[in-house]
Amino acid sequence: MAMYEIRVKGHLDQRWSAWFDGLRLTHLADGDTLLAGSVVDQAALHTLLSKIYNLNLILISVARKEEPR
């Protein structure tokens, strides 16, 4: 599994974590939300991005992070 950080505009309530497949939601000081965690594959990533689109959230960035070894 790959680790991803997805940044969206605005603060999302923590209850959305389950809807975003258990990703950790972190409120940033600038008013954005960082969704972070493991994503099984590219299809799962596409599903997450579709959910963001369907909620009319503004997508700021998507970054794949290397897991520490």
PDB file of N, CA and C in Angstrom:
ATOM      1  N   MET A   1       0.830  -1.187   0.000  1.00  0.00           N
ATOM      2  CA  MET A   1       0.000   0.000   0.000  1.00  0.00           C
ATOM      3  C   MET A   1       0.872   1.247   0.000  1.00  0.00           C
ATOM      4  N   ALA A   2       0.376   2.262  -0.616  1.00  0.00           N
ATOM      5  CA  ALA A   2       1.098   3.532  -0.674  1.00  0.00           C
ATOM      6  C   ALA A   2       0.463   4.520   0.303  1.00  0.00           C
ATOM      7  N   MET A   3       1.284   5.411   0.824  1.00  0.00           N
ATOM      8  CA  MET A   3       0.808   6.474   1.709  1.00  0.00           C
ATOM      9  C   MET A   3       0.551   7.717   0.866  1.00  0.00           C
ATOM     10  N   TYR A   4      -0.572   8.380   1.114  1.00  0.00           N
ATOM     11  CA  TYR A   4      -0.919   9.595   0.385  1.00  0.00           C
ATOM     12  C   TYR A   4      -1.312  10.696   1.342  1.00  0.00           C
ATOM     13  N   GLU A   5      -1.065  11.932   0.920  1.00  0.00           N
ATOM     14  CA  GLU A   5      -1.568  13.115   1.585  1.00  0.00           C
ATOM     15  C   GLU A   5      -2.370  13.898   0.556  1.00  0.00           C
ATOM     16  N   ILE A   6      -3.637  14.124   0.878  1.00  0.00           N
ATOM     17  CA  ILE A   6      -4.533  14.850  -0.009  1.00  0.00           C
ATOM     18  C   ILE A   6      -4.985  16.101   0.742  1.00  0.00           C
ATOM     19  N   ARG A   7      -4.760  17.240   0.131  1.00  0.00           N
ATOM     20  CA  ARG A   7      -5.099  18.514   0.770  1.00  0.00           C
ATOM     21  C   ARG A   7      -6.298  19.138   0.066  1.00  0.00           C
ATOM     22  N   VAL A   8      -7.310  19.524   0.881  1.00  0.00           N
ATOM     23  CA  VAL A   8      -8.509  20.154   0.339  1.00  0.00           C
ATOM     24  C   VAL A   8      -8.763  21.471   1.058  1.00  0.00           C
ATOM     25  N   LYS A   9      -9.475  22.350   0.385  1.00  0.00           N
ATOM     26  CA  LYS A   9      -9.814  23.660   0.937  1.00  0.00           C
ATOM     27  C   LYS A   9     -10.919  23.510   1.977  1.00  0.00           C
ATOM     28  N   GLY A  10     -10.749  24.162   3.129  1.00  0.00           N
ATOM     29  CA  GLY A  10     -11.766  24.155   4.179  1.00  0.00           C
ATOM     30  C   GLY A  10     -11.540  23.055   5.196  1.00  0.00           C
ATOM     31  N   HIS A  11     -12.183  23.208   6.331  1.00  0.00           N
ATOM     32  CA  HIS A  11     -12.080  22.202   7.396  1.00  0.00           C
ATOM     33  C   HIS A  11     -13.227  21.208   7.279  1.00  0.00           C
ATOM     34  N   LEU A  12     -12.892  19.937   7.214  1.00  0.00           N
ATOM     35  CA  LEU A  12     -13.885  18.866   7.217  1.00  0.00           C
ATOM     36  C   LEU A  12     -14.051  18.349   8.639  1.00  0.00           C
ATOM     37  N   ASP A  13     -15.257  18.021   9.010  1.00  0.00           N
ATOM     38  CA  ASP A  13     -15.529  17.425  10.310  1.00  0.00           C
ATOM     39  C   ASP A  13     -14.896  16.033  10.377  1.00  0.00           C
ATOM     40  N   GLN A  14     -14.471  15.636  11.554  1.00  0.00           N
ATOM     41  CA  GLN A  14     -13.810  14.335  11.738  1.00  0.00           C
ATOM     42  C   GLN A  14     -14.703  13.156  11.350  1.00  0.00           C
ATOM     43  N   ARG A  15     -16.005  13.351  11.369  1.00  0.00           N
ATOM     44  CA  ARG A  15     -16.914  12.247  11.022  1.00  0.00           C
ATOM     45  C   ARG A  15     -16.745  11.781   9.578  1.00  0.00           C
ATOM     46  N   TRP A  16     -16.134  12.607   8.732  1.00  0.00           N
ATOM     47  CA  TRP A  16     -15.899  12.234   7.333  1.00  0.00           C
ATOM     48  C   TRP A  16     -14.770  11.213   7.180  1.00  0.00           C
ATOM     49  N   SER A  17     -14.003  10.985   8.233  1.00  0.00           N
ATOM     50  CA  SER A  17     -12.878  10.053   8.156  1.00  0.00           C
ATOM     51  C   SER A  17     -13.316   8.670   7.678  1.00  0.00           C
ATOM     52  N   ALA A  18     -14.396   8.163   8.217  1.00  0.00           N
ATOM     53  CA  ALA A  18     -14.883   6.834   7.822  1.00  0.00           C
ATOM     54  C   ALA A  18     -15.297   6.831   6.349  1.00  0.00           C
ATOM     55  N   TRP A  19     -15.911   7.911   5.880  1.00  0.00           N
ATOM     56  CA  TRP A  19     -16.351   7.985   4.495  1.00  0.00           C
ATOM     57  C   TRP A  19     -15.169   8.028   3.551  1.00  0.00           C
ATOM     58  N   PHE A  20     -14.054   8.573   4.027  1.00  0.00           N
ATOM     59  CA  PHE A  20     -12.822   8.610   3.238  1.00  0.00           C
ATOM     60  C   PHE A  20     -11.921   7.428   3.581  1.00  0.00           C
ATOM     61  N   ASP A  21     -12.535   6.283   3.776  1.00  0.00           N
ATOM     62  CA  ASP A  21     -11.830   5.003   3.979  1.00  0.00           C
ATOM     63  C   ASP A  21     -10.831   5.037   5.125  1.00  0.00           C
ATOM     64  N   GLY A  22     -11.173   5.760   6.193  1.00  0.00           N
ATOM     65  CA  GLY A  22     -10.341   5.765   7.395  1.00  0.00           C
ATOM     66  C   GLY A  22      -9.115   6.656   7.334  1.00  0.00           C
ATOM     67  N   LEU A  23      -9.014   7.509   6.315  1.00  0.00           N
ATOM     68  CA  LEU A  23      -7.874   8.424   6.270  1.00  0.00           C
ATOM     69  C   LEU A  23      -7.936   9.367   7.472  1.00  0.00           C
ATOM     70  N   ARG A  24      -6.784   9.753   7.967  1.00  0.00           N
ATOM     71  CA  ARG A  24      -6.688  10.685   9.094  1.00  0.00           C
ATOM     72  C   ARG A  24      -6.927  12.100   8.571  1.00  0.00           C
ATOM     73  N   LEU A  25      -7.815  12.841   9.226  1.00  0.00           N
ATOM     74  CA  LEU A  25      -8.101  14.219   8.846  1.00  0.00           C
ATOM     75  C   LEU A  25      -7.414  15.151   9.824  1.00  0.00           C
ATOM     76  N   THR A  26      -6.634  16.076   9.299  1.00  0.00           N
ATOM     77  CA  THR A  26      -5.927  17.050  10.124  1.00  0.00           C
ATOM     78  C   THR A  26      -6.292  18.442   9.646  1.00  0.00           C
ATOM     79  N   HIS A  27      -6.770  19.276  10.583  1.00  0.00           N
ATOM     80  CA  HIS A  27      -7.072  20.673  10.246  1.00  0.00           C
ATOM     81  C   HIS A  27      -5.782  21.468  10.279  1.00  0.00           C
ATOM     82  N   LEU A  28      -5.511  22.189   9.209  1.00  0.00           N
ATOM     83  CA  LEU A  28      -4.310  23.003   9.100  1.00  0.00           C
ATOM     84  C   LEU A  28      -4.630  24.452   9.477  1.00  0.00           C
ATOM     85  N   ALA A  29      -3.617  25.172   9.916  1.00  0.00           N
ATOM     86  CA  ALA A  29      -3.793  26.543  10.398  1.00  0.00           C
ATOM     87  C   ALA A  29      -4.346  27.480   9.330  1.00  0.00           C
ATOM     88  N   ASP A  30      -4.100  27.185   8.069  1.00  0.00           N
ATOM     89  CA  ASP A  30      -4.564  28.071   6.990  1.00  0.00           C
ATOM     90  C   ASP A  30      -6.007  27.803   6.571  1.00  0.00           C
ATOM     91  N   GLY A  31      -6.690  26.900   7.291  1.00  0.00           N
ATOM     92  CA  GLY A  31      -8.085  26.618   6.993  1.00  0.00           C
ATOM     93  C   GLY A  31      -8.316  25.410   6.114  1.00  0.00           C
ATOM     94  N   ASP A  32      -7.262  24.747   5.681  1.00  0.00           N
ATOM     95  CA  ASP A  32      -7.378  23.560   4.837  1.00  0.00           C
ATOM     96  C   ASP A  32      -7.423  22.296   5.692  1.00  0.00           C
ATOM     97  N   THR A  33      -7.768  21.180   5.053  1.00  0.00           N
ATOM     98  CA  THR A  33      -7.757  19.872   5.705  1.00  0.00           C
ATOM     99  C   THR A  33      -6.798  18.963   4.954  1.00  0.00           C
ATOM    100  N   LEU A  34      -6.005  18.214   5.702  1.00  0.00           N
ATOM    101  CA  LEU A  34      -5.097  17.223   5.136  1.00  0.00           C
ATOM    102  C   LEU A  34      -5.658  15.843   5.441  1.00  0.00           C
ATOM    103  N   LEU A  35      -5.917  15.072   4.387  1.00  0.00           N
ATOM    104  CA  LEU A  35      -6.340  13.682   4.528  1.00  0.00           C
ATOM    105  C   LEU A  35      -5.105  12.834   4.271  1.00  0.00           C
ATOM    106  N   ALA A  36      -4.753  11.986   5.213  1.00  0.00           N
ATOM    107  CA  ALA A  36      -3.514  11.215   5.076  1.00  0.00           C
ATOM    108  C   ALA A  36      -3.729   9.772   5.514  1.00  0.00           C
ATOM    109  N   GLY A  37      -3.026   8.873   4.824  1.00  0.00           N
ATOM    110  CA  GLY A  37      -3.077   7.471   5.194  1.00  0.00           C
ATOM    111  C   GLY A  37      -2.765   6.562   4.028  1.00  0.00           C
ATOM    112  N   SER A  38      -2.954   5.283   4.271  1.00  0.00           N
ATOM    113  CA  SER A  38      -2.660   4.257   3.269  1.00  0.00           C
ATOM    114  C   SER A  38      -3.798   4.132   2.270  1.00  0.00           C
ATOM    115  N   VAL A  39      -3.416   3.967   1.008  1.00  0.00           N
ATOM    116  CA  VAL A  39      -4.371   3.740  -0.066  1.00  0.00           C
ATOM    117  C   VAL A  39      -3.957   2.450  -0.761  1.00  0.00           C
ATOM    118  N   VAL A  40      -4.883   1.534  -0.878  1.00  0.00           N
ATOM    119  CA  VAL A  40      -4.589   0.181  -1.371  1.00  0.00           C
ATOM    120  C   VAL A  40      -3.984   0.177  -2.764  1.00  0.00           C
ATOM    121  N   ASP A  41      -4.601   0.923  -3.697  1.00  0.00           N
ATOM    122  CA  ASP A  41      -4.127   0.919  -5.077  1.00  0.00           C
ATOM    123  C   ASP A  41      -4.647   2.156  -5.799  1.00  0.00           C
ATOM    124  N   GLN A  42      -4.355   2.259  -7.077  1.00  0.00           N
ATOM    125  CA  GLN A  42      -4.754   3.426  -7.856  1.00  0.00           C
ATOM    126  C   GLN A  42      -6.275   3.535  -7.982  1.00  0.00           C
ATOM    127  N   ALA A  43      -6.957   2.407  -8.030  1.00  0.00           N
ATOM    128  CA  ALA A  43      -8.419   2.441  -8.107  1.00  0.00           C
ATOM    129  C   ALA A  43      -9.002   3.054  -6.828  1.00  0.00           C
ATOM    130  N   ALA A  44      -8.444   2.713  -5.679  1.00  0.00           N
ATOM    131  CA  ALA A  44      -8.902   3.281  -4.408  1.00  0.00           C
ATOM    132  C   ALA A  44      -8.604   4.774  -4.349  1.00  0.00           C
ATOM    133  N   LEU A  45      -7.468   5.190  -4.880  1.00  0.00           N
ATOM    134  CA  LEU A  45      -7.135   6.609  -4.931  1.00  0.00           C
ATOM    135  C   LEU A  45      -8.138   7.349  -5.820  1.00  0.00           C
ATOM    136  N   HIS A  46      -8.465   6.770  -6.942  1.00  0.00           N
ATOM    137  CA  HIS A  46      -9.442   7.381  -7.844  1.00  0.00           C
ATOM    138  C   HIS A  46     -10.798   7.527  -7.144  1.00  0.00           C
ATOM    139  N   THR A  47     -11.195   6.525  -6.381  1.00  0.00           N
ATOM    140  CA  THR A  47     -12.451   6.584  -5.626  1.00  0.00           C
ATOM    141  C   THR A  47     -12.436   7.728  -4.623  1.00  0.00           C
ATOM    142  N   LEU A  48     -11.311   7.893  -3.910  1.00  0.00           N
ATOM    143  CA  LEU A  48     -11.190   8.999  -2.948  1.00  0.00           C
ATOM    144  C   LEU A  48     -11.304  10.346  -3.653  1.00  0.00           C
ATOM    145  N   LEU A  49     -10.636  10.479  -4.782  1.00  0.00           N
ATOM    146  CA  LEU A  49     -10.690  11.733  -5.529  1.00  0.00           C
ATOM    147  C   LEU A  49     -12.095  11.994  -6.079  1.00  0.00           C
ATOM    148  N   SER A  50     -12.801  10.951  -6.446  1.00  0.00           N
ATOM    149  CA  SER A  50     -14.188  11.093  -6.902  1.00  0.00           C
ATOM    150  C   SER A  50     -15.083  11.579  -5.765  1.00  0.00           C
ATOM    151  N   LYS A  51     -14.847  11.082  -4.558  1.00  0.00           N
ATOM    152  CA  LYS A  51     -15.619  11.534  -3.397  1.00  0.00           C
ATOM    153  C   LYS A  51     -15.381  13.014  -3.134  1.00  0.00           C
ATOM    154  N   ILE A  52     -14.141  13.435  -3.258  1.00  0.00           N
ATOM    155  CA  ILE A  52     -13.815  14.852  -3.074  1.00  0.00           C
ATOM    156  C   ILE A  52     -14.546  15.683  -4.127  1.00  0.00           C
ATOM    157  N   TYR A  53     -14.534  15.230  -5.350  1.00  0.00           N
ATOM    158  CA  TYR A  53     -15.227  15.921  -6.443  1.00  0.00           C
ATOM    159  C   TYR A  53     -16.733  15.988  -6.175  1.00  0.00           C
ATOM    160  N   ASN A  54     -17.319  14.863  -5.772  1.00  0.00           N
ATOM    161  CA  ASN A  54     -18.761  14.798  -5.546  1.00  0.00           C
ATOM    162  C   ASN A  54     -19.211  15.694  -4.397  1.00  0.00           C
ATOM    163  N   LEU A  55     -18.337  15.979  -3.451  1.00  0.00           N
ATOM    164  CA  LEU A  55     -18.652  16.882  -2.341  1.00  0.00           C
ATOM    165  C   LEU A  55     -18.392  18.347  -2.700  1.00  0.00           C
ATOM    166  N   ASN A  56     -17.956  18.584  -3.929  1.00  0.00           N
ATOM    167  CA  ASN A  56     -17.621  19.938  -4.390  1.00  0.00           C
ATOM    168  C   ASN A  56     -16.517  20.576  -3.559  1.00  0.00           C
ATOM    169  N   LEU A  57     -15.591  19.755  -3.061  1.00  0.00           N
ATOM    170  CA  LEU A  57     -14.450  20.284  -2.328  1.00  0.00           C
ATOM    171  C   LEU A  57     -13.397  20.750  -3.327  1.00  0.00           C
ATOM    172  N   ILE A  58     -12.649  21.746  -2.933  1.00  0.00           N
ATOM    173  CA  ILE A  58     -11.565  22.231  -3.779  1.00  0.00           C
ATOM    174  C   ILE A  58     -10.310  21.423  -3.461  1.00  0.00           C
ATOM    175  N   LEU A  59      -9.825  20.689  -4.441  1.00  0.00           N
ATOM    176  CA  LEU A  59      -8.620  19.886  -4.295  1.00  0.00           C
ATOM    177  C   LEU A  59      -7.399  20.779  -4.474  1.00  0.00           C
ATOM    178  N   ILE A  60      -6.530  20.791  -3.474  1.00  0.00           N
ATOM    179  CA  ILE A  60      -5.334  21.618  -3.544  1.00  0.00           C
ATOM    180  C   ILE A  60      -4.138  20.801  -4.004  1.00  0.00           C
ATOM    181  N   SER A  61      -3.963  19.598  -3.416  1.00  0.00           N
ATOM    182  CA  SER A  61      -2.810  18.787  -3.819  1.00  0.00           C
ATOM    183  C   SER A  61      -3.016  17.318  -3.456  1.00  0.00           C
ATOM    184  N   VAL A  62      -2.303  16.472  -4.176  1.00  0.00           N
ATOM    185  CA  VAL A  62      -2.226  15.037  -3.891  1.00  0.00           C
ATOM    186  C   VAL A  62      -0.755  14.661  -3.940  1.00  0.00           C
ATOM    187  N   ALA A  63      -0.260  14.068  -2.865  1.00  0.00           N
ATOM    188  CA  ALA A  63       1.149  13.703  -2.821  1.00  0.00           C
ATOM    189  C   ALA A  63       1.298  12.286  -2.288  1.00  0.00           C
ATOM    190  N   ARG A  64       2.092  11.491  -3.006  1.00  0.00           N
ATOM    191  CA  ARG A  64       2.443  10.159  -2.526  1.00  0.00           C
ATOM    192  C   ARG A  64       3.662  10.292  -1.624  1.00  0.00           C
ATOM    193  N   LYS A  65       3.594   9.674  -0.459  1.00  0.00           N
ATOM    194  CA  LYS A  65       4.683   9.758   0.521  1.00  0.00           C
ATOM    195  C   LYS A  65       5.303   8.378   0.679  1.00  0.00           C
ATOM    196  N   GLU A  66       6.605   8.381   0.805  1.00  0.00           N
ATOM    197  CA  GLU A  66       7.316   7.129   1.040  1.00  0.00           C
ATOM    198  C   GLU A  66       7.178   6.733   2.501  1.00  0.00           C
ATOM    199  N   GLU A  67       6.893   5.460   2.721  1.00  0.00           N
ATOM    200  CA  GLU A  67       6.805   4.963   4.096  1.00  0.00           C
ATOM    201  C   GLU A  67       8.210   4.784   4.656  1.00  0.00           C
ATOM    202  N   PRO A  68       8.399   5.151   5.935  1.00  0.00           N
ATOM    203  CA  PRO A  68       9.727   4.927   6.534  1.00  0.00           C
ATOM    204  C   PRO A  68      10.033   3.431   6.605  1.00  0.00           C
ATOM    205  N   ARG A  69      11.256   3.095   6.356  1.00  0.00           N
ATOM    206  CA  ARG A  69      11.649   1.668   6.360  1.00  0.00           C
ATOM    207  C   ARG A  69      12.301   1.283   7.653  1.00  0.00           C
TER     208      ARG A  69
END
